[in-house]
Amino acid sequence: MNERYRNIYQLARNIADLTQLEASERLHVNVRTLGKYESGEIVPHSDIVANMVEVYGTSWLGYEHLRQSTELGMEILPAINVDDIAKSVLVLQKESSDVDSVKNCMVKIACDGLIESHEEHRWNEVTKEVFEMAGAALSVVFSR
């Protein structure tokens, strides 16, 4: 199976180079339960994920767990890519450049402390660029 399409819990375990049995022993969970987490049949509780982060050494797993398994996370957390640090750095540079291109507009709109109705469309474009840069920055932070 292609790593990109694996469940995040399985991917993190594989990165740690642990078998399901080894991981279940270290996490103090039943191997069948771990299999259910990895198949997507059940979502692990945050305490279990915190243990996975520690045991697997994958700090990004906690972030992705919140982003993918909670309604709030799905709504407000930007997607990240932790597969390739070089690509993550290049994407951050690109997104930083995109934010630079809207910086003057951002300052002009925000300096009066109000987003007027005629500014809303442009402000949405500005915040989209900032959001994308935030995701790119987090990708660098969590890259392995």
N, C-alpha and C. Protein backbone atom coordinates (compact mmCIF):
# COMPACT_ATOMS: atom_id res chain seq x y z
N MET A 1 0.85 -1.19 0.00
CA MET A 1 0.00 0.00 0.00
C MET A 1 0.89 1.24 0.00
N ASN A 2 0.54 2.24 -0.77
CA ASN A 2 1.26 3.49 -0.83
C ASN A 2 1.16 4.21 0.51
N GLU A 3 2.31 4.70 1.04
CA GLU A 3 2.32 5.36 2.35
C GLU A 3 1.37 6.54 2.41
N ARG A 4 1.20 7.26 1.33
CA ARG A 4 0.35 8.45 1.35
C ARG A 4 -1.08 8.11 1.72
N TYR A 5 -1.51 6.89 1.46
CA TYR A 5 -2.91 6.55 1.67
C TYR A 5 -3.13 5.73 2.93
N ARG A 6 -2.10 5.52 3.70
CA ARG A 6 -2.25 4.79 4.95
C ARG A 6 -2.90 5.66 5.99
N ASN A 7 -3.54 5.02 6.90
CA ASN A 7 -4.11 5.67 8.06
C ASN A 7 -2.97 6.34 8.84
N ILE A 8 -3.21 7.51 9.43
CA ILE A 8 -2.14 8.25 10.12
C ILE A 8 -1.54 7.46 11.27
N TYR A 9 -2.34 6.66 11.94
CA TYR A 9 -1.84 5.89 13.08
C TYR A 9 -0.93 4.76 12.60
N GLN A 10 -1.31 4.13 11.50
CA GLN A 10 -0.48 3.09 10.90
C GLN A 10 0.80 3.70 10.34
N LEU A 11 0.70 4.81 9.67
CA LEU A 11 1.86 5.48 9.10
C LEU A 11 2.86 5.84 10.20
N ALA A 12 2.37 6.39 11.31
CA ALA A 12 3.26 6.76 12.41
C ALA A 12 3.95 5.53 12.99
N ARG A 13 3.20 4.44 13.15
CA ARG A 13 3.80 3.21 13.67
C ARG A 13 4.86 2.68 12.71
N ASN A 14 4.57 2.71 11.42
CA ASN A 14 5.53 2.23 10.43
C ASN A 14 6.80 3.09 10.42
N ILE A 15 6.64 4.38 10.58
CA ILE A 15 7.80 5.27 10.63
C ILE A 15 8.67 4.92 11.84
N ALA A 16 8.01 4.54 12.94
CA ALA A 16 8.74 4.14 14.15
C ALA A 16 9.34 2.74 14.01
N ASP A 17 9.02 2.06 12.90
CA ASP A 17 9.53 0.72 12.61
C ASP A 17 9.14 -0.28 13.71
N LEU A 18 7.86 -0.23 14.09
CA LEU A 18 7.33 -1.15 15.08
C LEU A 18 6.26 -2.03 14.46
N THR A 19 6.19 -3.27 14.89
CA THR A 19 5.08 -4.13 14.48
C THR A 19 3.87 -3.73 15.31
N GLN A 20 2.70 -4.20 14.91
CA GLN A 20 1.50 -3.93 15.70
C GLN A 20 1.65 -4.51 17.10
N LEU A 21 2.23 -5.67 17.21
CA LEU A 21 2.39 -6.30 18.52
C LEU A 21 3.32 -5.48 19.40
N GLU A 22 4.46 -5.07 18.86
CA GLU A 22 5.40 -4.24 19.64
C GLU A 22 4.74 -2.94 20.07
N ALA A 23 4.04 -2.30 19.14
CA ALA A 23 3.39 -1.03 19.45
C ALA A 23 2.29 -1.21 20.50
N SER A 24 1.49 -2.25 20.35
CA SER A 24 0.39 -2.45 21.31
C SER A 24 0.94 -2.69 22.71
N GLU A 25 2.05 -3.40 22.82
CA GLU A 25 2.66 -3.62 24.14
C GLU A 25 3.16 -2.32 24.74
N ARG A 26 3.80 -1.49 23.94
CA ARG A 26 4.33 -0.21 24.44
C ARG A 26 3.22 0.78 24.76
N LEU A 27 2.12 0.68 24.03
CA LEU A 27 1.00 1.59 24.25
C LEU A 27 0.02 1.08 25.30
N HIS A 28 0.19 -0.18 25.70
CA HIS A 28 -0.70 -0.81 26.67
C HIS A 28 -2.14 -0.87 26.16
N VAL A 29 -2.27 -1.26 24.87
CA VAL A 29 -3.58 -1.50 24.26
C VAL A 29 -3.57 -2.87 23.61
N ASN A 30 -4.71 -3.44 23.46
CA ASN A 30 -4.86 -4.73 22.79
C ASN A 30 -4.46 -4.58 21.33
N VAL A 31 -3.78 -5.58 20.78
CA VAL A 31 -3.34 -5.52 19.39
C VAL A 31 -4.53 -5.39 18.44
N ARG A 32 -5.66 -6.01 18.77
CA ARG A 32 -6.85 -5.88 17.92
C ARG A 32 -7.39 -4.44 17.95
N THR A 33 -7.31 -3.82 19.12
CA THR A 33 -7.75 -2.43 19.23
C THR A 33 -6.86 -1.53 18.38
N LEU A 34 -5.55 -1.75 18.44
CA LEU A 34 -4.63 -0.98 17.61
C LEU A 34 -4.95 -1.18 16.13
N GLY A 35 -5.26 -2.41 15.76
CA GLY A 35 -5.64 -2.70 14.38
C GLY A 35 -6.89 -1.92 13.97
N LYS A 36 -7.83 -1.78 14.89
CA LYS A 36 -9.05 -1.02 14.60
C LYS A 36 -8.75 0.46 14.43
N TYR A 37 -7.79 0.98 15.22
CA TYR A 37 -7.37 2.38 15.03
C TYR A 37 -6.77 2.54 13.63
N GLU A 38 -5.93 1.60 13.27
CA GLU A 38 -5.20 1.69 12.00
C GLU A 38 -6.07 1.42 10.79
N SER A 39 -7.16 0.71 10.97
CA SER A 39 -8.06 0.47 9.85
C SER A 39 -9.10 1.58 9.71
N GLY A 40 -9.17 2.45 10.71
CA GLY A 40 -10.15 3.53 10.69
C GLY A 40 -11.50 3.10 11.24
N GLU A 41 -11.55 1.89 11.78
CA GLU A 41 -12.81 1.39 12.34
C GLU A 41 -13.21 2.19 13.58
N ILE A 42 -12.23 2.53 14.40
CA ILE A 42 -12.49 3.39 15.57
C ILE A 42 -11.39 4.45 15.65
N VAL A 43 -11.73 5.58 16.25
CA VAL A 43 -10.78 6.67 16.44
C VAL A 43 -10.26 6.59 17.87
N PRO A 44 -8.93 6.58 18.03
CA PRO A 44 -8.39 6.49 19.38
C PRO A 44 -8.66 7.77 20.18
N HIS A 45 -8.79 7.61 21.49
CA HIS A 45 -8.94 8.74 22.39
C HIS A 45 -7.65 9.55 22.37
N SER A 46 -7.74 10.81 22.66
CA SER A 46 -6.57 11.70 22.63
C SER A 46 -5.45 11.24 23.55
N ASP A 47 -5.79 10.61 24.68
CA ASP A 47 -4.76 10.10 25.58
C ASP A 47 -3.93 9.01 24.90
N ILE A 48 -4.59 8.15 24.15
CA ILE A 48 -3.89 7.10 23.41
C ILE A 48 -3.00 7.73 22.34
N VAL A 49 -3.52 8.72 21.66
CA VAL A 49 -2.73 9.38 20.62
C VAL A 49 -1.52 10.08 21.24
N ALA A 50 -1.69 10.68 22.40
CA ALA A 50 -0.55 11.30 23.09
C ALA A 50 0.53 10.25 23.37
N ASN A 51 0.12 9.05 23.76
CA ASN A 51 1.08 7.97 23.98
C ASN A 51 1.73 7.55 22.66
N MET A 52 0.94 7.50 21.59
CA MET A 52 1.49 7.16 20.28
C MET A 52 2.56 8.16 19.87
N VAL A 53 2.29 9.44 20.08
CA VAL A 53 3.25 10.49 19.74
C VAL A 53 4.57 10.22 20.45
N GLU A 54 4.48 9.89 21.73
CA GLU A 54 5.69 9.63 22.52
C GLU A 54 6.39 8.35 22.08
N VAL A 55 5.64 7.27 21.97
CA VAL A 55 6.22 5.97 21.63
C VAL A 55 6.77 5.97 20.19
N TYR A 56 6.04 6.58 19.27
CA TYR A 56 6.45 6.56 17.86
C TYR A 56 7.45 7.68 17.52
N GLY A 57 7.53 8.70 18.38
CA GLY A 57 8.42 9.83 18.07
C GLY A 57 7.95 10.64 16.89
N THR A 58 6.63 10.76 16.76
CA THR A 58 6.04 11.47 15.61
C THR A 58 5.15 12.61 16.11
N SER A 59 5.74 13.77 16.33
CA SER A 59 4.99 14.90 16.89
C SER A 59 3.82 15.33 16.00
N TRP A 60 3.95 15.11 14.70
CA TRP A 60 2.89 15.51 13.77
C TRP A 60 1.62 14.71 13.98
N LEU A 61 1.72 13.52 14.57
CA LEU A 61 0.54 12.66 14.72
C LEU A 61 -0.54 13.32 15.58
N GLY A 62 -0.15 13.99 16.65
CA GLY A 62 -1.13 14.67 17.49
C GLY A 62 -1.88 15.74 16.72
N TYR A 63 -1.15 16.51 15.94
CA TYR A 63 -1.76 17.56 15.12
C TYR A 63 -2.74 16.94 14.12
N GLU A 64 -2.28 15.93 13.39
CA GLU A 64 -3.14 15.31 12.37
C GLU A 64 -4.35 14.63 13.00
N HIS A 65 -4.17 14.05 14.18
CA HIS A 65 -5.30 13.44 14.88
C HIS A 65 -6.37 14.50 15.14
N LEU A 66 -5.97 15.64 15.67
CA LEU A 66 -6.94 16.71 15.94
C LEU A 66 -7.56 17.24 14.66
N ARG A 67 -6.73 17.40 13.62
CA ARG A 67 -7.22 17.95 12.36
C ARG A 67 -8.20 17.01 11.67
N GLN A 68 -7.96 15.71 11.75
CA GLN A 68 -8.79 14.77 11.01
C GLN A 68 -9.95 14.19 11.81
N SER A 69 -9.86 14.20 13.13
CA SER A 69 -10.88 13.47 13.91
C SER A 69 -11.81 14.36 14.71
N THR A 70 -11.59 15.67 14.70
CA THR A 70 -12.49 16.56 15.43
C THR A 70 -13.12 17.56 14.48
N GLU A 71 -14.35 17.88 14.75
CA GLU A 71 -15.05 18.83 13.89
C GLU A 71 -14.33 20.18 13.87
N LEU A 72 -13.90 20.63 15.03
CA LEU A 72 -13.19 21.91 15.12
C LEU A 72 -11.87 21.85 14.35
N GLY A 73 -11.13 20.75 14.52
CA GLY A 73 -9.88 20.60 13.79
C GLY A 73 -10.07 20.62 12.29
N MET A 74 -11.11 19.93 11.83
CA MET A 74 -11.40 19.90 10.39
C MET A 74 -11.72 21.30 9.87
N GLU A 75 -12.33 22.09 10.73
CA GLU A 75 -12.77 23.42 10.31
C GLU A 75 -11.64 24.45 10.32
N ILE A 76 -10.73 24.38 11.30
CA ILE A 76 -9.79 25.49 11.46
C ILE A 76 -8.32 25.17 11.26
N LEU A 77 -7.93 23.90 11.26
CA LEU A 77 -6.50 23.58 11.13
C LEU A 77 -6.13 23.34 9.67
N PRO A 78 -5.07 24.00 9.22
CA PRO A 78 -4.64 23.80 7.83
C PRO A 78 -4.01 22.42 7.63
N ALA A 79 -4.15 21.90 6.43
CA ALA A 79 -3.51 20.63 6.08
C ALA A 79 -2.00 20.81 6.08
N ILE A 80 -1.31 19.75 6.45
CA ILE A 80 0.15 19.79 6.43
C ILE A 80 0.67 18.60 5.63
N ASN A 81 1.92 18.71 5.17
CA ASN A 81 2.60 17.63 4.47
C ASN A 81 3.91 17.40 5.20
N VAL A 82 4.08 16.23 5.79
CA VAL A 82 5.28 15.96 6.58
C VAL A 82 6.22 14.97 5.91
N ASP A 83 5.97 14.64 4.66
CA ASP A 83 6.74 13.61 3.97
C ASP A 83 8.14 14.05 3.56
N ASP A 84 8.32 15.30 3.21
CA ASP A 84 9.56 15.72 2.58
C ASP A 84 9.95 17.10 3.09
N ILE A 85 11.01 17.16 3.91
CA ILE A 85 11.40 18.44 4.50
C ILE A 85 11.83 19.44 3.43
N ALA A 86 12.53 18.99 2.41
CA ALA A 86 12.98 19.92 1.36
C ALA A 86 11.77 20.54 0.65
N LYS A 87 10.80 19.71 0.32
CA LYS A 87 9.59 20.22 -0.33
C LYS A 87 8.85 21.16 0.62
N SER A 88 8.79 20.81 1.90
CA SER A 88 8.10 21.66 2.87
C SER A 88 8.75 23.04 2.96
N VAL A 89 10.06 23.07 2.95
CA VAL A 89 10.77 24.36 3.00
C VAL A 89 10.50 25.17 1.75
N LEU A 90 10.52 24.53 0.59
CA LEU A 90 10.25 25.25 -0.66
C LEU A 90 8.82 25.77 -0.71
N VAL A 91 7.87 24.98 -0.26
CA VAL A 91 6.48 25.42 -0.24
C VAL A 91 6.32 26.60 0.73
N LEU A 92 7.00 26.55 1.87
CA LEU A 92 6.95 27.68 2.80
C LEU A 92 7.49 28.95 2.15
N GLN A 93 8.58 28.83 1.42
CA GLN A 93 9.13 29.99 0.72
C GLN A 93 8.14 30.55 -0.29
N LYS A 94 7.48 29.66 -1.02
CA LYS A 94 6.48 30.08 -2.01
C LYS A 94 5.30 30.77 -1.33
N GLU A 95 4.82 30.17 -0.24
CA GLU A 95 3.67 30.76 0.46
C GLU A 95 4.05 32.08 1.12
N SER A 96 5.26 32.17 1.61
CA SER A 96 5.74 33.43 2.19
C SER A 96 5.76 34.53 1.12
N SER A 97 6.19 34.18 -0.07
CA SER A 97 6.18 35.13 -1.19
C SER A 97 4.76 35.55 -1.54
N ASP A 98 3.83 34.59 -1.50
CA ASP A 98 2.43 34.91 -1.78
C ASP A 98 1.87 35.89 -0.75
N VAL A 99 2.24 35.69 0.53
CA VAL A 99 1.78 36.62 1.57
C VAL A 99 2.42 37.99 1.37
N ASP A 100 3.69 38.01 0.98
CA ASP A 100 4.33 39.31 0.68
C ASP A 100 3.57 40.07 -0.40
N SER A 101 3.02 39.32 -1.37
CA SER A 101 2.32 39.98 -2.48
C SER A 101 1.00 40.61 -2.04
N VAL A 102 0.44 40.18 -0.92
CA VAL A 102 -0.82 40.76 -0.43
C VAL A 102 -0.62 41.62 0.82
N LYS A 103 0.64 41.78 1.23
CA LYS A 103 0.93 42.48 2.48
C LYS A 103 0.40 43.92 2.48
N ASN A 104 0.63 44.65 1.42
CA ASN A 104 0.16 46.04 1.38
C ASN A 104 -1.35 46.13 1.49
N CYS A 105 -2.03 45.23 0.80
CA CYS A 105 -3.48 45.18 0.86
C CYS A 105 -3.94 44.83 2.27
N MET A 106 -3.28 43.90 2.90
CA MET A 106 -3.62 43.48 4.25
C MET A 106 -3.49 44.66 5.21
N VAL A 107 -2.41 45.39 5.12
CA VAL A 107 -2.19 46.54 6.01
C VAL A 107 -3.22 47.63 5.73
N LYS A 108 -3.48 47.90 4.46
CA LYS A 108 -4.44 48.94 4.09
C LYS A 108 -5.83 48.63 4.64
N ILE A 109 -6.26 47.38 4.51
CA ILE A 109 -7.59 47.00 5.00
C ILE A 109 -7.63 47.02 6.52
N ALA A 110 -6.59 46.53 7.16
CA ALA A 110 -6.61 46.33 8.61
C ALA A 110 -6.28 47.58 9.42
N CYS A 111 -5.66 48.58 8.81
CA CYS A 111 -5.17 49.71 9.61
C CYS A 111 -6.27 50.50 10.29
N ASP A 112 -7.49 50.49 9.77
CA ASP A 112 -8.58 51.20 10.45
C ASP A 112 -9.34 50.31 11.42
N GLY A 113 -8.91 49.05 11.52
CA GLY A 113 -9.53 48.13 12.46
C GLY A 113 -10.87 47.57 12.01
N LEU A 114 -11.27 47.86 10.78
CA LEU A 114 -12.54 47.39 10.26
C LEU A 114 -12.36 46.76 8.89
N ILE A 115 -13.16 45.77 8.62
CA ILE A 115 -13.21 45.22 7.27
C ILE A 115 -14.57 45.61 6.71
N GLU A 116 -14.54 46.61 5.87
CA GLU A 116 -15.78 47.13 5.31
C GLU A 116 -16.29 46.19 4.21
N SER A 117 -17.57 46.31 3.90
CA SER A 117 -18.20 45.36 2.96
C SER A 117 -17.49 45.33 1.62
N HIS A 118 -17.02 46.47 1.13
CA HIS A 118 -16.33 46.49 -0.16
C HIS A 118 -14.92 45.88 -0.08
N GLU A 119 -14.42 45.64 1.14
CA GLU A 119 -13.09 45.05 1.34
C GLU A 119 -13.14 43.54 1.61
N GLU A 120 -14.31 43.01 1.83
CA GLU A 120 -14.44 41.62 2.27
C GLU A 120 -13.86 40.62 1.28
N HIS A 121 -14.12 40.79 0.01
CA HIS A 121 -13.61 39.85 -0.98
C HIS A 121 -12.08 39.83 -0.96
N ARG A 122 -11.49 40.99 -0.96
CA ARG A 122 -10.02 41.06 -0.95
C ARG A 122 -9.47 40.52 0.37
N TRP A 123 -10.16 40.80 1.49
CA TRP A 123 -9.70 40.29 2.78
C TRP A 123 -9.73 38.76 2.80
N ASN A 124 -10.74 38.17 2.17
CA ASN A 124 -10.81 36.71 2.08
C ASN A 124 -9.60 36.16 1.32
N GLU A 125 -9.18 36.87 0.28
CA GLU A 125 -7.99 36.45 -0.47
C GLU A 125 -6.74 36.55 0.40
N VAL A 126 -6.65 37.63 1.18
CA VAL A 126 -5.51 37.82 2.08
C VAL A 126 -5.46 36.70 3.11
N THR A 127 -6.59 36.43 3.76
CA THR A 127 -6.58 35.40 4.81
C THR A 127 -6.34 34.01 4.23
N LYS A 128 -6.76 33.77 3.00
CA LYS A 128 -6.47 32.49 2.35
C LYS A 128 -4.96 32.31 2.22
N GLU A 129 -4.27 33.34 1.80
CA GLU A 129 -2.80 33.27 1.65
C GLU A 129 -2.13 33.07 3.01
N VAL A 130 -2.60 33.76 4.03
CA VAL A 130 -2.02 33.62 5.36
C VAL A 130 -2.26 32.20 5.89
N PHE A 131 -3.46 31.67 5.68
CA PHE A 131 -3.80 30.32 6.11
C PHE A 131 -2.90 29.29 5.42
N GLU A 132 -2.68 29.46 4.13
CA GLU A 132 -1.81 28.55 3.39
C GLU A 132 -0.37 28.63 3.89
N MET A 133 0.08 29.84 4.25
CA MET A 133 1.42 29.98 4.79
C MET A 133 1.51 29.32 6.17
N ALA A 134 0.46 29.41 6.96
CA ALA A 134 0.47 28.76 8.27
C ALA A 134 0.61 27.25 8.11
N GLY A 135 -0.12 26.67 7.18
CA GLY A 135 0.00 25.24 6.92
C GLY A 135 1.40 24.87 6.45
N ALA A 136 1.97 25.70 5.59
CA ALA A 136 3.33 25.44 5.09
C ALA A 136 4.34 25.53 6.23
N ALA A 137 4.16 26.50 7.12
CA ALA A 137 5.08 26.64 8.26
C ALA A 137 4.97 25.42 9.18
N LEU A 138 3.75 24.96 9.43
CA LEU A 138 3.57 23.78 10.26
C LEU A 138 4.15 22.53 9.60
N SER A 139 4.10 22.48 8.29
CA SER A 139 4.71 21.35 7.57
C SER A 139 6.21 21.30 7.83
N VAL A 140 6.85 22.46 7.87
CA VAL A 140 8.28 22.50 8.16
C VAL A 140 8.53 22.06 9.60
N VAL A 141 7.71 22.58 10.52
CA VAL A 141 7.87 22.24 11.94
C VAL A 141 7.74 20.74 12.16
N PHE A 142 6.77 20.09 11.51
CA PHE A 142 6.49 18.69 11.75
C PHE A 142 7.17 17.73 10.77
N SER A 143 7.93 18.23 9.79
CA SER A 143 8.58 17.34 8.83
C SER A 143 9.54 16.41 9.53
N ARG A 144 9.59 15.22 9.00
CA ARG A 144 10.52 14.24 9.59
C ARG A 144 11.78 14.15 8.80
